[in-house]
Amino acid sequence: MVWRPTLVLVAALIFLAAVAGPTLALSRTVREAVGLSANPPVARNWVQATLTRPLPLKAKAGTHITISWTLSGPDQAGHSQPFNAMGIFARLIGNRGAPTESAPAHGSKGHYSATLTVPRGGIQKIEIGVLGESIGPAGRHPAPSLFPITNNPIRG
């Protein structure tokens, strides 16, 4: 039997894929580089939320309020561009971490709003994010990514 260089190369590549493939597939760095991690480093690392009207921090529990904001991030030239996605939401956190239900955002072209109910204890924290999920050995679990809020009136 005559071994051709091409055949040997193909066999070597198949062998390497079989041996190294599972190890690389389990590597977090490799999974993130190819976009396979539970929360890939995409929007959450470069998109920022900016509130477009004051947050009524003194609103009483049970009051319905509308929050408005923009989402944007830099393009390759560094210019701000609107960010659009499905699954954008807002959430208010109350006293002792009591959250309201997350409210889906409505909008387009980077301009969004959501109507929420002020939680028990008033507004202690605001979160704006995009829905996501984590898939692992224990199954699927919600894993939203939160955007930093450039003009968050609540510090800490």
Protein backbone atom coordinates (compact mmCIF):
# COMPACT_ATOMS: atom_id res chain seq x y z
CA MET A 1 0.00 0.00 0.00
CA VAL A 2 1.35 3.41 -0.97
CA TRP A 3 0.73 6.29 1.46
CA ARG A 4 -0.05 9.52 -0.22
CA PRO A 5 0.81 12.71 1.68
CA THR A 6 -2.76 13.99 1.36
CA LEU A 7 -4.21 10.82 2.87
CA VAL A 8 -1.79 10.98 5.79
CA LEU A 9 -2.66 14.65 6.40
CA VAL A 10 -6.40 13.93 6.35
CA ALA A 11 -5.96 11.01 8.75
CA ALA A 12 -3.87 13.17 11.10
CA LEU A 13 -6.50 15.94 11.09
CA ILE A 14 -9.28 13.47 11.84
CA PHE A 15 -7.23 12.01 14.70
CA LEU A 16 -6.55 15.49 16.14
CA ALA A 17 -10.21 16.45 15.90
CA ALA A 18 -11.24 13.26 17.69
CA VAL A 19 -8.70 13.71 20.47
CA ALA A 20 -8.66 17.49 20.96
CA GLY A 21 -12.26 18.28 19.97
CA PRO A 22 -13.96 17.33 23.24
CA THR A 23 -11.33 19.16 25.30
CA LEU A 24 -11.65 22.31 23.24
CA ALA A 25 -15.45 22.09 23.26
CA LEU A 26 -15.40 22.12 27.06
CA SER A 27 -13.01 25.08 27.22
CA ARG A 28 -14.87 28.23 28.30
CA THR A 29 -12.46 30.44 26.33
CA VAL A 30 -13.08 28.53 23.10
CA ARG A 31 -16.87 28.39 23.68
CA GLU A 32 -16.97 32.16 24.25
CA ALA A 33 -14.77 32.85 21.22
CA VAL A 34 -17.16 31.01 18.93
CA GLY A 35 -20.29 32.34 20.67
CA LEU A 36 -21.37 29.14 22.42
CA SER A 37 -21.25 30.25 26.03
CA ALA A 38 -24.40 30.70 28.09
CA ASN A 39 -23.98 34.47 28.00
CA PRO A 40 -21.68 35.30 25.11
CA PRO A 41 -19.70 38.53 25.48
CA VAL A 42 -21.71 40.40 22.88
CA ALA A 43 -24.11 43.20 23.74
CA ARG A 44 -23.69 43.30 27.48
CA ASN A 45 -20.05 44.36 27.16
CA TRP A 46 -20.53 47.28 24.82
CA VAL A 47 -24.21 48.32 24.90
CA GLN A 48 -25.29 50.87 27.49
CA ALA A 49 -28.71 52.01 28.61
CA THR A 50 -29.48 55.69 29.15
CA LEU A 51 -32.69 56.75 30.90
CA THR A 52 -34.51 59.39 28.82
CA ARG A 53 -36.73 60.72 31.60
CA PRO A 54 -36.29 60.99 35.36
CA LEU A 55 -37.01 57.85 37.38
CA PRO A 56 -39.70 58.68 39.99
CA LEU A 57 -37.72 57.47 43.00
CA LYS A 58 -40.38 58.63 45.50
CA ALA A 59 -43.26 56.73 43.82
CA LYS A 60 -45.30 54.67 46.30
CA ALA A 61 -45.48 50.86 46.21
CA GLY A 62 -48.16 49.63 43.84
CA THR A 63 -47.95 52.68 41.57
CA HIS A 64 -47.60 52.02 37.85
CA ILE A 65 -44.74 53.97 36.27
CA THR A 66 -43.34 54.07 32.76
CA ILE A 67 -39.59 53.97 32.32
CA SER A 68 -38.04 55.12 29.03
CA TRP A 69 -34.48 54.60 27.83
CA THR A 70 -32.19 54.20 24.87
CA LEU A 71 -29.76 51.39 24.14
CA SER A 72 -26.65 52.17 22.14
CA GLY A 73 -23.08 51.14 21.62
CA PRO A 74 -20.11 52.15 19.49
CA ASP A 75 -19.71 50.90 15.94
CA GLN A 76 -16.30 49.98 14.50
CA ALA A 77 -15.47 53.66 14.00
CA GLY A 78 -16.45 54.50 17.58
CA HIS A 79 -19.70 56.29 16.67
CA SER A 80 -22.76 55.59 18.81
CA GLN A 81 -25.31 53.31 17.14
CA PRO A 82 -28.74 52.26 18.43
CA PHE A 83 -29.01 48.69 19.67
CA ASN A 84 -32.07 46.64 18.75
CA ALA A 85 -32.97 43.19 20.01
CA MET A 86 -35.89 41.03 20.99
CA GLY A 87 -36.31 40.22 24.66
CA ILE A 88 -35.42 43.64 26.08
CA PHE A 89 -36.89 44.13 29.57
CA ALA A 90 -36.85 46.38 32.63
CA ARG A 91 -37.13 45.38 36.29
CA LEU A 92 -37.47 47.30 39.54
CA ILE A 93 -36.09 45.87 42.76
CA GLY A 94 -37.73 46.84 46.04
CA ASN A 95 -36.86 46.72 49.70
CA ARG A 96 -34.97 43.55 50.73
CA GLY A 97 -34.66 42.57 47.08
CA ALA A 98 -38.41 42.26 46.44
CA PRO A 99 -38.66 42.52 42.63
CA THR A 100 -41.67 43.35 40.56
CA GLU A 101 -42.23 41.13 37.60
CA SER A 102 -39.94 42.05 34.76
CA ALA A 103 -41.80 44.05 32.15
CA PRO A 104 -41.14 43.57 28.46
CA ALA A 105 -39.93 46.66 26.67
CA HIS A 106 -41.68 48.18 23.71
CA GLY A 107 -39.86 50.19 21.08
CA SER A 108 -37.47 50.15 18.19
CA LYS A 109 -34.38 51.83 16.81
CA GLY A 110 -32.76 51.79 20.23
CA HIS A 111 -35.64 53.64 22.00
CA TYR A 112 -37.56 51.58 24.56
CA SER A 113 -40.10 51.92 27.34
CA ALA A 114 -41.77 49.62 29.84
CA THR A 115 -44.54 50.06 32.40
CA LEU A 116 -43.83 48.55 35.80
CA THR A 117 -45.37 48.44 39.26
CA VAL A 118 -43.32 50.00 42.04
CA PRO A 119 -42.32 47.19 44.43
CA ARG A 120 -42.80 46.96 48.20
CA GLY A 121 -40.44 49.39 49.89
CA GLY A 122 -40.15 51.65 46.86
CA ILE A 123 -37.53 51.65 44.11
CA GLN A 124 -34.17 50.47 45.44
CA LYS A 125 -32.66 49.35 42.14
CA ILE A 126 -33.43 49.38 38.42
CA GLU A 127 -32.27 46.78 35.90
CA ILE A 128 -32.45 46.89 32.11
CA GLY A 129 -31.42 43.86 30.14
CA VAL A 130 -32.00 41.31 27.45
CA LEU A 131 -33.41 37.84 28.04
CA GLY A 132 -31.13 34.86 27.65
CA GLU A 133 -30.73 31.36 28.96
CA SER A 134 -28.04 29.09 30.27
CA ILE A 135 -27.94 25.52 29.01
CA GLY A 136 -25.93 23.04 31.03
CA PRO A 137 -25.99 19.60 32.64
CA ALA A 138 -28.88 20.65 34.91
CA GLY A 139 -30.95 21.84 31.94
CA ARG A 140 -32.05 25.27 30.78
CA HIS A 141 -32.27 28.21 33.16
CA PRO A 142 -33.01 31.92 32.63
CA ALA A 143 -29.76 33.90 32.35
CA PRO A 144 -30.51 37.50 31.37
CA SER A 145 -27.71 39.92 30.55
CA LEU A 146 -27.97 43.33 32.20
CA PHE A 147 -26.85 46.56 30.58
CA PRO A 148 -25.02 49.26 32.54
CA ILE A 149 -27.18 52.37 32.97
CA THR A 150 -25.11 55.47 32.20
CA ASN A 151 -27.27 57.87 34.21
CA ASN A 152 -28.59 55.57 36.93
CA PRO A 153 -29.95 57.79 39.72
CA ILE A 154 -29.53 54.95 42.22
CA ARG A 155 -25.91 54.38 43.17
CA GLY A 156 -24.59 51.27 44.83
